[in-house]
PDB file of N, CA and C in Angstrom:
ATOM      1  N   MET A   1       0.760  -1.187  -0.050  1.00  0.00           N
ATOM      2  CA  MET A   1       0.095  -0.247  -0.031  1.00  0.00           C
ATOM      3  C   MET A   1       0.978   1.252   0.033  1.00  0.00           C
ATOM      4  N   VAL A   2       0.427   2.107  -1.134  1.00  0.00           N
ATOM      5  CA  VAL A   2       1.419   3.250  -1.171  1.00  0.00           C
ATOM      6  C   VAL A   2       0.813   4.482  -0.205  1.00  0.00           C
ATOM      7  N   LYS A   3       1.748   4.912   0.605  1.00  0.00           N
ATOM      8  CA  LYS A   3       1.216   6.215   1.522  1.00  0.00           C
ATOM      9  C   LYS A   3       0.979   7.411   0.284  1.00  0.00           C
ATOM     10  N   LYS A   4      -0.163   8.102   0.417  1.00  0.00           N
ATOM     11  CA  LYS A   4      -0.306   9.427   0.034  1.00  0.00           C
ATOM     12  C   LYS A   4       0.238  10.560   0.917  1.00  0.00           C
ATOM     13  N   TYR A   5       0.676  11.506   0.241  1.00  0.00           N
ATOM     14  CA  TYR A   5       0.740  12.690   1.191  1.00  0.00           C
ATOM     15  C   TYR A   5       0.083  13.995   0.748  1.00  0.00           C
ATOM     16  N   PHE A   6      -0.528  14.639   1.241  1.00  0.00           N
ATOM     17  CA  PHE A   6      -1.711  15.837   1.115  1.00  0.00           C
ATOM     18  C   PHE A   6      -0.780  17.345   1.471  1.00  0.00           C
ATOM     19  N   CYS A   7      -0.647  18.131   0.435  1.00  0.00           N
ATOM     20  CA  CYS A   7       0.053  19.557   0.815  1.00  0.00           C
ATOM     21  C   CYS A   7      -0.961  20.521   1.319  1.00  0.00           C
ATOM     22  N   ASP A   8      -0.924  21.073   2.386  1.00  0.00           N
ATOM     23  CA  ASP A   8      -2.037  21.956   2.745  1.00  0.00           C
ATOM     24  C   ASP A   8      -1.829  23.278   2.149  1.00  0.00           C
ATOM     25  N   TYR A   9      -0.391  23.369   1.428  1.00  0.00           N
ATOM     26  CA  TYR A   9      -0.297  24.664   1.008  1.00  0.00           C
ATOM     27  C   TYR A   9      -0.854  24.811  -0.461  1.00  0.00           C
ATOM     28  N   CYS A  10      -0.662  23.822  -1.187  1.00  0.00           N
ATOM     29  CA  CYS A  10      -1.211  23.737  -2.482  1.00  0.00           C
ATOM     30  C   CYS A  10      -2.553  22.969  -2.634  1.00  0.00           C
ATOM     31  N   GLY A  11      -2.929  22.108  -1.725  1.00  0.00           N
ATOM     32  CA  GLY A  11      -4.179  21.103  -2.221  1.00  0.00           C
ATOM     33  C   GLY A  11      -3.758  20.092  -2.844  1.00  0.00           C
ATOM     34  N   THR A  12      -2.561  19.620  -3.323  1.00  0.00           N
ATOM     35  CA  THR A  12      -2.638  18.329  -4.085  1.00  0.00           C
ATOM     36  C   THR A  12      -2.116  16.987  -3.525  1.00  0.00           C
ATOM     37  N   ARG A  13      -2.178  16.248  -3.934  1.00  0.00           N
ATOM     38  CA  ARG A  13      -2.108  14.635  -3.212  1.00  0.00           C
ATOM     39  C   ARG A  13      -1.033  13.969  -4.533  1.00  0.00           C
ATOM     40  N   PHE A  14       0.068  13.382  -3.646  1.00  0.00           N
ATOM     41  CA  PHE A  14       1.019  12.545  -4.293  1.00  0.00           C
ATOM     42  C   PHE A  14       1.301  11.296  -3.554  1.00  0.00           C
ATOM     43  N   ALA A  15       1.738  10.402  -4.513  1.00  0.00           N
ATOM     44  CA  ALA A  15       2.569   9.326  -3.458  1.00  0.00           C
ATOM     45  C   ALA A  15       3.652   9.611  -3.020  1.00  0.00           C
ATOM     46  N   TYR A  16       3.675   9.184  -1.635  1.00  0.00           N
ATOM     47  CA  TYR A  16       4.916   9.550  -0.825  1.00  0.00           C
ATOM     48  C   TYR A  16       6.206   9.003  -1.160  1.00  0.00           C
ATOM     49  N   SER A  17       7.071   9.601  -1.239  1.00  0.00           N
ATOM     50  CA  SER A  17       8.715   9.076  -1.476  1.00  0.00           C
ATOM     51  C   SER A  17       9.396  10.337  -1.097  1.00  0.00           C
ATOM     52  N   PRO A  18      10.581  10.106  -0.416  1.00  0.00           N
ATOM     53  CA  PRO A  18      11.518  11.157  -0.163  1.00  0.00           C
ATOM     54  C   PRO A  18      11.792  11.952  -1.576  1.00  0.00           C
ATOM     55  N   GLU A  19      11.944  11.086  -2.546  1.00  0.00           N
ATOM     56  CA  GLU A  19      12.621  11.918  -3.985  1.00  0.00           C
ATOM     57  C   GLU A  19      10.935  12.942  -4.423  1.00  0.00           C
ATOM     58  N   ALA A  20       9.662  12.465  -4.015  1.00  0.00           N
ATOM     59  CA  ALA A  20       8.824  13.063  -4.668  1.00  0.00           C
ATOM     60  C   ALA A  20       8.487  14.116  -3.560  1.00  0.00           C
ATOM     61  N   TRP A  21       8.623  14.143  -2.585  1.00  0.00           N
ATOM     62  CA  TRP A  21       8.210  15.173  -1.603  1.00  0.00           C
ATOM     63  C   TRP A  21       9.504  16.324  -1.956  1.00  0.00           C
ATOM     64  N   ARG A  22      10.543  16.067  -2.240  1.00  0.00           N
ATOM     65  CA  ARG A  22      11.693  17.038  -2.492  1.00  0.00           C
ATOM     66  C   ARG A  22      11.149  17.755  -3.504  1.00  0.00           C
ATOM     67  N   ARG A  23      10.787  16.866  -4.675  1.00  0.00           N
ATOM     68  CA  ARG A  23      10.444  17.647  -5.884  1.00  0.00           C
ATOM     69  C   ARG A  23       9.498  18.457  -5.972  1.00  0.00           C
ATOM     70  N   HIS A  24       8.239  17.997  -4.882  1.00  0.00           N
ATOM     71  CA  HIS A  24       7.373  18.925  -4.757  1.00  0.00           C
ATOM     72  C   HIS A  24       7.283  20.081  -3.876  1.00  0.00           C
ATOM     73  N   VAL A  25       7.948  19.906  -2.888  1.00  0.00           N
ATOM     74  CA  VAL A  25       8.653  21.248  -2.227  1.00  0.00           C
ATOM     75  C   VAL A  25       9.200  22.204  -3.088  1.00  0.00           C
ATOM     76  N   ARG A  26      10.167  22.009  -4.041  1.00  0.00           N
ATOM     77  CA  ARG A  26      10.936  22.763  -4.562  1.00  0.00           C
ATOM     78  C   ARG A  26      10.307  23.077  -6.062  1.00  0.00           C
ATOM     79  N   GLY A  27       9.014  22.683  -6.250  1.00  0.00           N
ATOM     80  CA  GLY A  27       8.092  22.962  -7.160  1.00  0.00           C
ATOM     81  C   GLY A  27       7.728  24.449  -7.236  1.00  0.00           C
ATOM     82  N   VAL A  28       7.879  25.130  -8.410  1.00  0.00           N
ATOM     83  CA  VAL A  28       7.013  26.563  -8.669  1.00  0.00           C
ATOM     84  C   VAL A  28       5.647  26.611  -8.031  1.00  0.00           C
ATOM     85  N   ALA A  29       4.600  25.987  -8.181  1.00  0.00           N
ATOM     86  CA  ALA A  29       3.558  25.792  -7.499  1.00  0.00           C
ATOM     87  C   ALA A  29       3.396  25.753  -6.108  1.00  0.00           C
ATOM     88  N   HIS A  30       4.377  24.940  -5.554  1.00  0.00           N
ATOM     89  CA  HIS A  30       4.617  25.095  -4.084  1.00  0.00           C
ATOM     90  C   HIS A  30       5.013  26.155  -3.417  1.00  0.00           C
ATOM     91  N   VAL A  31       6.050  26.900  -4.080  1.00  0.00           N
ATOM     92  CA  VAL A  31       6.810  27.672  -3.335  1.00  0.00           C
ATOM     93  C   VAL A  31       5.826  28.962  -3.643  1.00  0.00           C
ATOM     94  N   ARG A  32       5.011  29.228  -4.515  1.00  0.00           N
ATOM     95  CA  ARG A  32       3.985  30.387  -4.723  1.00  0.00           C
ATOM     96  C   ARG A  32       2.878  30.348  -3.582  1.00  0.00           C
ATOM     97  N   ALA A  33       2.280  28.922  -3.525  1.00  0.00           N
ATOM     98  CA  ALA A  33       1.446  28.906  -2.658  1.00  0.00           C
ATOM     99  C   ALA A  33       1.671  29.025  -1.182  1.00  0.00           C
ATOM    100  N   ARG A  34       2.871  28.774  -0.804  1.00  0.00           N
ATOM    101  CA  ARG A  34       3.359  28.652   0.504  1.00  0.00           C
ATOM    102  C   ARG A  34       3.655  30.340   0.695  1.00  0.00           C
ATOM    103  N   ALA A  35       4.380  30.931  -0.123  1.00  0.00           N
ATOM    104  CA  ALA A  35       4.708  32.322   0.095  1.00  0.00           C
ATOM    105  C   ALA A  35       3.218  33.210   0.320  1.00  0.00           C
ATOM    106  N   GLU A  36       2.428  32.714  -0.453  1.00  0.00           N
ATOM    107  CA  GLU A  36       1.239  33.553  -0.409  1.00  0.00           C
ATOM    108  C   GLU A  36       0.360  33.231   0.891  1.00  0.00           C
ATOM    109  N   HIS A  37       0.410  31.930   1.421  1.00  0.00           N
ATOM    110  CA  HIS A  37      -0.189  31.527   2.636  1.00  0.00           C
ATOM    111  C   HIS A  37       0.513  32.443   3.840  1.00  0.00           C
ATOM    112  N   TYR A  38       1.743  32.496   3.836  1.00  0.00           N
ATOM    113  CA  TYR A  38       2.295  33.096   4.813  1.00  0.00           C
ATOM    114  C   TYR A  38       2.433  34.887   4.667  1.00  0.00           C
ATOM    115  N   ARG A  39       2.227  35.161   3.349  1.00  0.00           N
ATOM    116  CA  ARG A  39       1.993  36.642   2.806  1.00  0.00           C
ATOM    117  C   ARG A  39       0.543  37.203   3.740  1.00  0.00           C
ATOM    118  N   GLN A  40      -0.681  36.153   3.885  1.00  0.00           N
ATOM    119  CA  GLN A  40      -1.619  36.508   4.177  1.00  0.00           C
ATOM    120  C   GLN A  40      -1.681  36.618   5.885  1.00  0.00           C
ATOM    121  N   LEU A  41      -0.482  35.770   6.411  1.00  0.00           N
ATOM    122  CA  LEU A  41      -0.352  35.939   7.886  1.00  0.00           C
ATOM    123  C   LEU A  41       0.196  37.031   8.539  1.00  0.00           C
ATOM    124  N   SER A  42       0.922  37.860   7.464  1.00  0.00           N
ATOM    125  CA  SER A  42       1.707  38.515   8.268  1.00  0.00           C
ATOM    126  C   SER A  42       0.996  39.815   8.600  1.00  0.00           C
ATOM    127  N   SER A  43       1.402  40.987   9.335  1.00  0.00           N
ATOM    128  CA  SER A  43       0.659  41.998   9.907  1.00  0.00           C
ATOM    129  C   SER A  43       0.888  43.344   8.685  1.00  0.00           C
ATOM    130  N   PRO A  44       0.187  44.090   8.730  1.00  0.00           N
ATOM    131  CA  PRO A  44       0.106  45.251   7.877  1.00  0.00           C
ATOM    132  C   PRO A  44       1.561  45.714   7.628  1.00  0.00           C
ATOM    133  N   ARG A  45       1.949  45.940   8.592  1.00  0.00           N
ATOM    134  CA  ARG A  45       3.162  46.584   8.878  1.00  0.00           C
ATOM    135  C   ARG A  45       4.568  45.965   8.371  1.00  0.00           C
ATOM    136  N   GLU A  46       4.470  44.881   8.327  1.00  0.00           N
ATOM    137  CA  GLU A  46       5.327  43.735   7.446  1.00  0.00           C
ATOM    138  C   GLU A  46       5.108  43.971   6.161  1.00  0.00           C
ATOM    139  N   LEU A  47       3.876  43.675   5.893  1.00  0.00           N
ATOM    140  CA  LEU A  47       3.585  43.901   4.228  1.00  0.00           C
ATOM    141  C   LEU A  47       4.191  45.505   3.717  1.00  0.00           C
ATOM    142  N   LEU A  48       3.703  46.482   4.611  1.00  0.00           N
ATOM    143  CA  LEU A  48       4.196  47.620   4.214  1.00  0.00           C
ATOM    144  C   LEU A  48       5.527  47.665   4.240  1.00  0.00           C
ATOM    145  N   ARG A  49       6.356  47.246   4.774  1.00  0.00           N
ATOM    146  CA  ARG A  49       7.906  47.326   4.940  1.00  0.00           C
ATOM    147  C   ARG A  49       8.492  46.536   3.497  1.00  0.00           C
ATOM    148  N   SER A  50       7.846  45.127   3.330  1.00  0.00           N
ATOM    149  CA  SER A  50       8.463  44.605   2.473  1.00  0.00           C
ATOM    150  C   SER A  50       8.091  45.382   0.673  1.00  0.00           C
ATOM    151  N   GLU A  51       6.834  45.814   0.810  1.00  0.00           N
ATOM    152  CA  GLU A  51       6.595  46.644  -0.436  1.00  0.00           C
ATOM    153  C   GLU A  51       7.001  47.943  -0.988  1.00  0.00           C
ATOM    154  N   GLN A  52       7.678  48.607   0.629  1.00  0.00           N
ATOM    155  CA  GLN A  52       8.208  49.689  -0.172  1.00  0.00           C
ATOM    156  C   GLN A  52       9.643  49.655  -0.068  1.00  0.00           C
ATOM    157  N   ALA A  53      10.020  48.491   0.019  1.00  0.00           N
ATOM    158  CA  ALA A  53      11.404  47.919  -0.339  1.00  0.00           C
ATOM    159  C   ALA A  53      11.494  47.534  -1.699  1.00  0.00           C
ATOM    160  N   ARG A  54      10.548  47.442  -2.235  1.00  0.00           N
ATOM    161  CA  ARG A  54      10.483  46.926  -3.818  1.00  0.00           C
ATOM    162  C   ARG A  54      10.261  48.191  -4.821  1.00  0.00           C
ATOM    163  N   ARG A  55      10.896  47.921  -6.068  1.00  0.00           N
ATOM    164  CA  ARG A  55      10.696  48.906  -7.082  1.00  0.00           C
ATOM    165  C   ARG A  55       9.289  48.363  -7.797  1.00  0.00           C
ATOM    166  N   PRO A  56       8.343  49.555  -8.495  1.00  0.00           N
ATOM    167  CA  PRO A  56       7.335  49.048  -8.835  1.00  0.00           C
ATOM    168  C   PRO A  56       7.539  48.031  -9.915  1.00  0.00           C
ATOM    169  N   CYS A  57       6.587  47.325 -10.640  1.00  0.00           N
ATOM    170  CA  CYS A  57       6.677  46.302 -11.446  1.00  0.00           C
ATOM    171  C   CYS A  57       6.513  46.807 -12.843  1.00  0.00           C
ATOM    172  N   ARG A  58       7.046  46.896 -13.736  1.00  0.00           N
ATOM    173  CA  ARG A  58       6.658  47.797 -14.928  1.00  0.00           C
ATOM    174  C   ARG A  58       5.947  46.712 -16.045  1.00  0.00           C
ATOM    175  N   ARG A  59       5.791  45.448 -15.573  1.00  0.00           N
ATOM    176  CA  ARG A  59       5.190  44.543 -16.607  1.00  0.00           C
ATOM    177  C   ARG A  59       3.752  44.365 -16.101  1.00  0.00           C
ATOM    178  N   ARG A  60       3.600  44.844 -15.018  1.00  0.00           N
ATOM    179  CA  ARG A  60       2.115  44.769 -14.332  1.00  0.00           C
ATOM    180  C   ARG A  60       1.106  45.273 -15.035  1.00  0.00           C
ATOM    181  N   SER A  61       1.524  46.656 -15.712  1.00  0.00           N
ATOM    182  CA  SER A  61       0.439  47.581 -16.477  1.00  0.00           C
ATOM    183  C   SER A  61       0.353  47.145 -17.891  1.00  0.00           C
ATOM    184  N   GLU A  62       1.126  46.334 -18.516  1.00  0.00           N
ATOM    185  CA  GLU A  62       1.277  45.701 -19.564  1.00  0.00           C
ATOM    186  C   GLU A  62       0.024  45.006 -19.948  1.00  0.00           C
ATOM    187  N   PRO A  63      -0.367  44.948 -21.208  1.00  0.00           N
ATOM    188  CA  PRO A  63      -1.864  44.038 -21.611  1.00  0.00           C
ATOM    189  C   PRO A  63      -1.862  42.466 -20.862  1.00  0.00           C
ATOM    190  N   GLY A  64      -0.653  41.893 -21.089  1.00  0.00           N
ATOM    191  CA  GLY A  64      -0.423  40.470 -20.692  1.00  0.00           C
ATOM    192  C   GLY A  64      -0.438  40.554 -19.004  1.00  0.00           C
ATOM    193  N   GLY A  65      -0.049  41.693 -18.636  1.00  0.00           N
ATOM    194  CA  GLY A  65       0.036  41.523 -17.034  1.00  0.00           C
ATOM    195  C   GLY A  65       1.552  40.830 -16.725  1.00  0.00           C
ATOM    196  N   CYS A  66       1.939  40.914 -15.607  1.00  0.00           N
ATOM    197  CA  CYS A  66       3.541  39.950 -15.201  1.00  0.00           C
ATOM    198  C   CYS A  66       3.278  38.747 -15.322  1.00  0.00           C
ATOM    199  N   LEU A  67       4.041  38.242 -15.990  1.00  0.00           N
ATOM    200  CA  LEU A  67       4.062  36.849 -16.141  1.00  0.00           C
ATOM    201  C   LEU A  67       4.873  35.810 -14.816  1.00  0.00           C
ATOM    202  N   PHE A  68       5.177  36.728 -14.038  1.00  0.00           N
ATOM    203  CA  PHE A  68       5.663  36.161 -12.727  1.00  0.00           C
ATOM    204  C   PHE A  68       4.925  35.986 -11.489  1.00  0.00           C
ATOM    205  N   GLY A  69       3.831  36.745 -11.847  1.00  0.00           N
ATOM    206  CA  GLY A  69       2.863  36.946 -10.678  1.00  0.00           C
ATOM    207  C   GLY A  69       3.386  37.355  -9.078  1.00  0.00           C
ATOM    208  N   ASP A  70       3.000  36.199  -8.120  1.00  0.00           N
ATOM    209  CA  ASP A  70       3.472  36.567  -7.013  1.00  0.00           C
ATOM    210  C   ASP A  70       4.756  36.498  -6.678  1.00  0.00           C
ATOM    211  N   SER A  71       5.643  35.817  -7.463  1.00  0.00           N
ATOM    212  CA  SER A  71       6.696  35.347  -7.213  1.00  0.00           C
ATOM    213  C   SER A  71       7.804  36.451  -7.956  1.00  0.00           C
ATOM    214  N   CYS A  72       7.146  37.495  -8.558  1.00  0.00           N
ATOM    215  CA  CYS A  72       7.810  38.764  -9.011  1.00  0.00           C
ATOM    216  C   CYS A  72       8.457  39.428  -7.774  1.00  0.00           C
ATOM    217  N   VAL A  73       9.584  39.891  -8.230  1.00  0.00           N
ATOM    218  CA  VAL A  73      10.450  40.404  -7.139  1.00  0.00           C
ATOM    219  C   VAL A  73      10.254  42.092  -7.224  1.00  0.00           C
ATOM    220  N   PHE A  74       9.454  42.401  -7.741  1.00  0.00           N
ATOM    221  CA  PHE A  74       9.114  43.747  -7.729  1.00  0.00           C
ATOM    222  C   PHE A  74       7.682  43.871  -7.264  1.00  0.00           C
ATOM    223  N   SER A  75       7.056  45.011  -6.942  1.00  0.00           N
ATOM    224  CA  SER A  75       5.689  45.243  -6.293  1.00  0.00           C
ATOM    225  C   SER A  75       4.778  45.388  -7.015  1.00  0.00           C
ATOM    226  N   HIS A  76       3.731  44.835  -7.014  1.00  0.00           N
ATOM    227  CA  HIS A  76       2.410  45.209  -7.707  1.00  0.00           C
ATOM    228  C   HIS A  76       1.439  45.826  -7.081  1.00  0.00           C
ATOM    229  N   LEU A  77       1.597  46.417  -6.098  1.00  0.00           N
ATOM    230  CA  LEU A  77       0.844  47.512  -5.472  1.00  0.00           C
ATOM    231  C   LEU A  77       0.512  48.533  -6.258  1.00  0.00           C
ATOM    232  N   SER A  78      -0.487  49.171  -6.396  1.00  0.00           N
ATOM    233  CA  SER A  78      -0.875  50.456  -6.843  1.00  0.00           C
ATOM    234  C   SER A  78      -0.496  51.683  -5.785  1.00  0.00           C
ATOM    235  N   GLN A  79      -0.495  52.790  -6.239  1.00  0.00           N
ATOM    236  CA  GLN A  79      -0.218  53.866  -5.375  1.00  0.00           C
ATOM    237  C   GLN A  79      -1.487  53.702  -4.148  1.00  0.00           C
ATOM    238  N   GLU A  80      -2.627  53.451  -4.638  1.00  0.00           N
ATOM    239  CA  GLU A  80      -3.843  53.472  -3.817  1.00  0.00           C
ATOM    240  C   GLU A  80      -3.922  52.570  -2.823  1.00  0.00           C
ATOM    241  N   GLU A  81      -3.350  51.366  -3.236  1.00  0.00           N
ATOM    242  CA  GLU A  81      -3.078  50.393  -2.569  1.00  0.00           C
ATOM    243  C   GLU A  81      -2.165  50.517  -1.297  1.00  0.00           C
ATOM    244  N   LEU A  82      -1.027  51.186  -1.732  1.00  0.00           N
ATOM    245  CA  LEU A  82      -0.135  51.347  -0.961  1.00  0.00           C
ATOM    246  C   LEU A  82      -0.363  52.521   0.133  1.00  0.00           C
ATOM    247  N   ALA A  83      -1.381  53.425  -0.386  1.00  0.00           N
ATOM    248  CA  ALA A  83      -1.902  54.422   0.782  1.00  0.00           C
ATOM    249  C   ALA A  83      -3.056  53.638   1.706  1.00  0.00           C
ATOM    250  N   ARG A  84      -3.635  52.809   1.215  1.00  0.00           N
ATOM    251  CA  ARG A  84      -4.724  51.882   2.276  1.00  0.00           C
ATOM    252  C   ARG A  84      -3.838  51.020   3.059  1.00  0.00           C
ATOM    253  N   LEU A  85      -2.775  50.750   2.653  1.00  0.00           N
ATOM    254  CA  LEU A  85      -1.989  50.065   3.884  1.00  0.00           C
ATOM    255  C   LEU A  85      -1.157  50.676   4.619  1.00  0.00           C
ATOM    256  N   ARG A  86      -0.766  51.919   4.282  1.00  0.00           N
ATOM    257  CA  ARG A  86      -0.200  52.788   5.173  1.00  0.00           C
ATOM    258  C   ARG A  86      -1.264  53.339   6.239  1.00  0.00           C
ATOM    259  N   ALA A  87      -2.498  53.504   5.716  1.00  0.00           N
ATOM    260  CA  ALA A  87      -3.651  54.101   6.739  1.00  0.00           C
ATOM    261  C   ALA A  87      -3.666  52.758   7.764  1.00  0.00           C
ATOM    262  N   ALA A  88      -3.905  51.865   7.246  1.00  0.00           N
ATOM    263  CA  ALA A  88      -4.081  50.761   8.140  1.00  0.00           C
ATOM    264  C   ALA A  88      -2.921  50.410   9.206  1.00  0.00           C
ATOM    265  N   VAL A  89      -1.384  50.535   8.866  1.00  0.00           N
ATOM    266  CA  VAL A  89      -0.619  50.687   9.818  1.00  0.00           C
ATOM    267  C   VAL A  89      -0.750  51.908  10.683  1.00  0.00           C
ATOM    268  N   ALA A  90      -1.114  52.872   9.911  1.00  0.00           N
ATOM    269  CA  ALA A  90      -1.545  53.872  11.122  1.00  0.00           C
ATOM    270  C   ALA A  90      -2.166  53.912  12.178  1.00  0.00           C
ATOM    271  N   GLU A  91      -3.249  52.976  11.629  1.00  0.00           N
ATOM    272  CA  GLU A  91      -4.517  52.897  12.433  1.00  0.00           C
ATOM    273  C   GLU A  91      -4.248  52.015  14.022  1.00  0.00           C
ATOM    274  N   VAL A  92      -3.186  51.001  13.372  1.00  0.00           N
ATOM    275  CA  VAL A  92      -2.644  50.103  14.420  1.00  0.00           C
ATOM    276  C   VAL A  92      -1.623  50.346  15.277  1.00  0.00           C
ATOM    277  N   ALA A  93      -1.086  51.453  14.882  1.00  0.00           N
ATOM    278  CA  ALA A  93       0.439  51.913  15.450  1.00  0.00           C
ATOM    279  C   ALA A  93       0.214  52.745  16.950  1.00  0.00           C
ATOM    280  N   PRO A  94      -1.061  53.201  17.154  1.00  0.00           N
ATOM    281  CA  PRO A  94      -1.130  53.706  18.162  1.00  0.00           C
ATOM    282  C   PRO A  94      -1.116  53.083  19.301  1.00  0.00           C
ATOM    283  N   SER A  95      -1.877  51.922  19.114  1.00  0.00           N
ATOM    284  CA  SER A  95      -2.030  50.883  20.109  1.00  0.00           C
ATOM    285  C   SER A  95      -0.907  50.098  20.650  1.00  0.00           C
ATOM    286  N   LEU A  96      -0.031  50.148  19.791  1.00  0.00           N
ATOM    287  CA  LEU A  96       1.157  49.346  20.151  1.00  0.00           C
ATOM    288  C   LEU A  96       2.366  50.236  20.900  1.00  0.00           C
ATOM    289  N   ARG A  97       1.981  51.774  20.986  1.00  0.00           N
ATOM    290  CA  ARG A  97       3.037  52.480  21.410  1.00  0.00           C
ATOM    291  C   ARG A  97       2.977  52.166  23.182  1.00  0.00           C
ATOM    292  N   PRO A  98       4.267  52.482  23.935  1.00  0.00           N
ATOM    293  CA  PRO A  98       4.127  52.123  24.965  1.00  0.00           C
ATOM    294  C   PRO A  98       3.404  53.051  25.935  1.00  0.00           C
ATOM    295  N   VAL A  99       2.861  52.655  27.205  1.00  0.00           N
ATOM    296  CA  VAL A  99       2.020  53.568  27.818  1.00  0.00           C
ATOM    297  C   VAL A  99       3.102  54.254  29.015  1.00  0.00           C
ATOM    298  N   GLU A 100       3.373  55.514  29.230  1.00  0.00           N
ATOM    299  CA  GLU A 100       4.275  55.960  30.418  1.00  0.00           C
ATOM    300  C   GLU A 100       3.401  55.795  31.601  1.00  0.00           C
ATOM    301  N   VAL A 101       4.142  55.232  32.713  1.00  0.00           N
ATOM    302  CA  VAL A 101       3.545  55.163  33.794  1.00  0.00           C
ATOM    303  C   VAL A 101       4.666  55.988  34.792  1.00  0.00           C
ATOM    304  N   THR A 102       4.055  56.500  35.528  1.00  0.00           N
ATOM    305  CA  THR A 102       5.105  57.370  36.720  1.00  0.00           C
ATOM    306  C   THR A 102       4.592  57.221  38.055  1.00  0.00           C
ATOM    307  N   LEU A 103       5.418  56.744  38.779  1.00  0.00           N
ATOM    308  CA  LEU A 103       5.014  56.429  40.116  1.00  0.00           C
ATOM    309  C   LEU A 103       5.605  57.220  41.039  1.00  0.00           C
ATOM    310  N   SER A 104       5.462  57.479  42.053  1.00  0.00           N
ATOM    311  CA  SER A 104       5.922  58.101  43.219  1.00  0.00           C
ATOM    312  C   SER A 104       7.024  57.324  44.020  1.00  0.00           C
ATOM    313  N   PRO A 105       8.030  57.710  44.615  1.00  0.00           N
ATOM    314  CA  PRO A 105       8.412  56.548  45.457  1.00  0.00           C
ATOM    315  C   PRO A 105       7.687  55.906  46.790  1.00  0.00           C
ATOM    316  N   GLY A 106       6.794  56.620  47.188  1.00  0.00           N
ATOM    317  CA  GLY A 106       5.708  56.323  47.898  1.00  0.00           C
ATOM    318  C   GLY A 106       5.263  54.791  47.294  1.00  0.00           C
ATOM    319  N   GLN A 107       4.732  54.760  46.206  1.00  0.00           N
ATOM    320  CA  GLN A 107       4.028  54.109  45.437  1.00  0.00           C
ATOM    321  C   GLN A 107       4.632  52.906  45.178  1.00  0.00           C
ATOM    322  N   VAL A 108       6.288  53.071  44.862  1.00  0.00           N
ATOM    323  CA  VAL A 108       6.951  51.968  44.491  1.00  0.00           C
ATOM    324  C   VAL A 108       7.333  51.287  45.865  1.00  0.00           C
ATOM    325  N   ALA A 109       7.349  51.844  46.799  1.00  0.00           N
ATOM    326  CA  ALA A 109       7.644  51.223  48.294  1.00  0.00           C
ATOM    327  C   ALA A 109       6.626  50.298  48.663  1.00  0.00           C
ATOM    328  N   GLU A 110       5.281  50.638  48.245  1.00  0.00           N
ATOM    329  CA  GLU A 110       4.319  49.992  48.519  1.00  0.00           C
ATOM    330  C   GLU A 110       4.294  48.623  47.990  1.00  0.00           C
ATOM    331  N   TRP A 111       4.760  48.462  46.557  1.00  0.00           N
ATOM    332  CA  TRP A 111       4.962  47.394  45.878  1.00  0.00           C
ATOM    333  C   TRP A 111       6.124  46.294  46.488  1.00  0.00           C
ATOM    334  N   GLY A 112       7.007  47.009  47.058  1.00  0.00           N
ATOM    335  CA  GLY A 112       8.421  46.147  47.606  1.00  0.00           C
ATOM    336  C   GLY A 112       8.022  45.023  48.603  1.00  0.00           C
TER     337      GLY A 112
END
């Protein structure tokens, strides 16, 4: 009986062997699906940082679009999408700021 392996990232099944597993994990479809999965889990701040580090993709605006899709090393976000992402980061940012607490020497001694 042959064991079947199911890939959660790609949604594909294949007969398990170490060689088949290695071939699958190194495949383009699996690499793209895994990158998309982790991109969805990243925070808006991480997404903004990674997108700002990239230059805009020139092929995205062409009639056929970018052939590389999600694996393209250039950014596929428009200026409007980047602005929305910046706004999302700005909404989250105030809640992450540390709160300043000032205690008098008497209050600190009570904790002691």
